[in-house]
């Protein structure tokens, strides 16, 4: 039986009771009152047991919830550490990648500079060689032209004139 129901029955019993004139007292049916009190004695321990069960269930549920919350917090911390570690690795890789790209650019610039130096040096040597050859060609042309100017005329060298000279 529910304790609230028994309390309602006591209230009904009180409301049905006769008032004692000139006082605030009432006459209550003793048997009905004792019967309700006995029922309350039986019911109250049951209600208390139920309340204790509810409290213990609440404590168990709260403990489980706290344990689950602790586990979730630990997992979240672990996940956060993994993310931080991953971010650190990514940042480190990005930094290293930037260093590699910068080094490659420097190496390419140095190689380009060295290649340019080699090309300039080769072209300068080629220019010197071409200048020497050009000088030799010009000297050769000049020599032929000088020989032509200082040499006896071409007619004097014909076979007829050679025969006359002999």
Protein backbone atom coordinates (compact mmCIF):
# COMPACT_ATOMS: atom_id res chain seq x y z
CA UNK A 1 0.00 0.00 0.00
CA UNK A 2 1.17 3.57 -0.76
CA UNK A 3 2.03 5.80 2.18
CA UNK A 4 0.29 8.76 0.57
CA UNK A 5 -2.89 6.75 0.28
CA UNK A 6 -2.72 5.95 4.01
CA UNK A 7 -2.18 9.64 4.81
CA UNK A 8 -5.27 10.43 2.73
CA UNK A 9 -7.24 7.85 4.74
CA UNK A 10 -6.14 9.49 8.03
CA UNK A 11 -7.29 12.84 6.67
CA UNK A 12 -10.66 11.35 5.69
CA UNK A 13 -10.99 9.78 9.13
CA UNK A 14 -10.23 13.14 10.74
CA UNK A 15 -12.75 14.93 8.49
CA UNK A 16 -15.44 12.32 9.31
CA UNK A 17 -14.81 12.57 13.07
CA UNK A 18 -17.15 14.38 15.46
CA UNK A 19 -15.97 17.62 17.03
CA UNK A 20 -15.97 17.99 20.84
CA UNK A 21 -18.08 21.05 21.65
CA UNK A 22 -16.26 24.18 22.72
CA UNK A 23 -12.84 22.70 21.91
CA UNK A 24 -10.69 22.10 18.93
CA UNK A 25 -10.66 18.37 19.65
CA UNK A 26 -12.40 15.64 17.68
CA UNK A 27 -13.52 12.13 18.51
CA UNK A 28 -11.86 9.62 16.20
CA UNK A 29 -12.83 6.00 15.64
CA UNK A 30 -10.06 4.29 17.56
CA UNK A 31 -10.15 1.01 15.64
CA UNK A 32 -9.95 2.71 12.24
CA UNK A 33 -7.12 4.96 13.44
CA UNK A 34 -5.12 2.05 14.87
CA UNK A 35 -5.73 0.03 11.71
CA UNK A 36 -4.32 2.85 9.56
CA UNK A 37 -1.37 3.30 11.94
CA UNK A 38 -0.60 -0.44 11.71
CA UNK A 39 -0.77 -0.24 7.93
CA UNK A 40 1.60 2.75 8.03
CA UNK A 41 4.04 0.80 10.21
CA UNK A 42 4.07 -1.92 7.60
CA UNK A 43 4.13 0.45 4.65
CA UNK A 44 6.71 2.96 5.89
CA UNK A 45 9.57 0.47 6.13
CA UNK A 46 8.71 -0.69 2.60
CA UNK A 47 8.73 2.91 1.41
CA UNK A 48 12.01 3.55 3.20
CA UNK A 49 13.48 0.43 1.61
CA UNK A 50 12.34 1.65 -1.81
CA UNK A 51 13.83 5.08 -1.10
CA UNK A 52 17.08 3.48 0.01
CA UNK A 53 17.10 1.41 -3.17
CA UNK A 54 16.52 4.54 -5.22
CA UNK A 55 19.34 6.32 -3.38
CA UNK A 56 21.70 3.38 -3.85
CA UNK A 57 20.73 3.15 -7.53
CA UNK A 58 21.32 6.88 -7.82
CA UNK A 59 24.73 6.50 -6.18
CA UNK A 60 25.59 3.60 -8.48
CA UNK A 61 24.42 5.53 -11.55
CA UNK A 62 26.35 8.61 -10.47
CA UNK A 63 29.46 6.49 -9.88
CA UNK A 64 29.06 4.90 -13.31
CA UNK A 65 28.52 8.31 -14.87
CA UNK A 66 31.62 9.67 -13.13
CA UNK A 67 33.63 6.66 -14.25
CA UNK A 68 32.36 7.08 -17.82
CA UNK A 69 33.08 10.82 -17.68
CA UNK A 70 36.61 10.12 -16.43
CA UNK A 71 37.12 7.60 -19.21
CA UNK A 72 35.80 10.04 -21.81
CA UNK A 73 38.03 12.82 -20.45
CA UNK A 74 41.05 10.49 -20.55
CA UNK A 75 40.23 9.50 -24.13
CA UNK A 76 39.75 13.14 -25.08
CA UNK A 77 43.11 14.06 -23.52
CA UNK A 78 44.79 11.19 -25.35
CA UNK A 79 43.14 12.20 -28.61
CA UNK A 80 44.14 15.83 -28.06
CA UNK A 81 47.75 14.76 -27.40
CA UNK A 82 47.70 12.69 -30.59
CA UNK A 83 46.36 15.66 -32.53
CA UNK A 84 49.00 17.94 -31.00
CA UNK A 85 51.68 15.36 -31.82
CA UNK A 86 50.33 15.02 -35.35
CA UNK A 87 50.24 18.79 -35.74
CA UNK A 88 53.82 19.00 -34.48
CA UNK A 89 54.86 16.32 -36.97
CA UNK A 90 53.03 18.10 -39.79
CA UNK A 91 54.56 21.43 -38.79
CA UNK A 92 58.01 19.83 -38.61
CA UNK A 93 57.47 18.20 -42.01
CA UNK A 94 56.32 21.50 -43.49
CA UNK A 95 59.36 23.27 -42.06
CA UNK A 96 61.66 20.54 -43.37
CA UNK A 97 59.90 20.66 -46.74
CA UNK A 98 60.39 24.41 -46.91
CA UNK A 99 64.06 23.95 -46.06
CA UNK A 100 64.44 21.33 -48.79
CA UNK A 101 62.71 23.57 -51.35
CA UNK A 102 64.90 26.53 -50.34
CA UNK A 103 68.03 24.36 -50.57
CA UNK A 104 66.92 23.05 -53.98
CA UNK A 105 66.36 26.62 -55.18
CA UNK A 106 69.79 27.64 -53.90
CA UNK A 107 71.38 24.58 -55.53
CA UNK A 108 69.57 25.33 -58.80
CA UNK A 109 70.70 28.97 -58.68
CA UNK A 110 74.29 27.87 -57.97
CA UNK A 111 74.16 25.31 -60.78
CA UNK A 112 72.73 27.92 -63.15
CA UNK A 113 75.46 30.37 -62.10
CA UNK A 114 78.16 27.73 -62.58
CA UNK A 115 76.71 26.79 -65.98
CA UNK A 116 76.62 30.45 -67.00
CA UNK A 117 80.25 30.84 -65.90
CA UNK A 118 81.20 27.75 -67.93
CA UNK A 119 79.34 29.01 -71.00
CA UNK A 120 80.94 32.47 -70.71
CA UNK A 121 84.39 30.93 -70.30
CA UNK A 122 83.84 28.57 -73.26
CA UNK A 123 82.52 31.39 -75.45
CA UNK A 124 85.46 33.62 -74.48
CA UNK A 125 87.90 30.86 -75.45
CA UNK A 126 85.99 30.35 -78.68
CA UNK A 127 86.11 34.11 -79.32
CA UNK A 128 89.89 34.06 -78.76
CA UNK A 129 90.25 31.15 -81.17
CA UNK A 130 87.98 32.81 -83.73
CA UNK A 131 89.91 36.08 -83.29
CA UNK A 132 93.20 34.21 -83.90
CA UNK A 133 91.76 32.51 -86.97
CA UNK A 134 90.29 35.82 -88.19
CA UNK A 135 93.66 37.50 -87.64
CA UNK A 136 95.38 34.72 -89.59
CA UNK A 137 92.80 35.02 -92.38
CA UNK A 138 93.25 38.80 -92.54
CA UNK A 139 97.03 38.42 -92.46
CA UNK A 140 96.75 35.87 -95.24
CA UNK A 141 94.56 38.19 -97.32
CA UNK A 142 96.93 41.11 -96.71
CA UNK A 143 99.94 39.00 -97.63
CA UNK A 144 98.30 37.88 -100.86
CA UNK A 145 97.33 41.45 -101.68
CA UNK A 146 100.86 42.71 -100.91
CA UNK A 147 102.39 39.94 -102.98
CA UNK A 148 100.10 40.86 -105.84
CA UNK A 149 101.13 44.51 -105.65
CA UNK A 150 104.88 43.82 -105.48
CA UNK A 151 104.99 40.99 -107.88
CA UNK A 152 105.79 41.55 -111.60
CA UNK A 153 102.70 41.93 -113.68
CA UNK A 154 100.95 38.87 -114.78
CA UNK A 155 101.70 39.54 -118.47
CA UNK A 156 105.39 39.64 -117.86
CA UNK A 157 105.21 36.19 -116.53
CA UNK A 158 103.64 34.69 -119.64
CA UNK A 159 105.69 32.08 -121.51
CA UNK A 160 106.32 34.38 -124.47
CA UNK A 161 107.96 37.01 -122.38
CA UNK A 162 110.01 34.37 -120.68
CA UNK A 163 111.26 33.23 -124.06
CA UNK A 164 112.28 36.77 -124.98
CA UNK A 165 114.22 37.14 -121.83
CA UNK A 166 116.18 34.00 -122.53
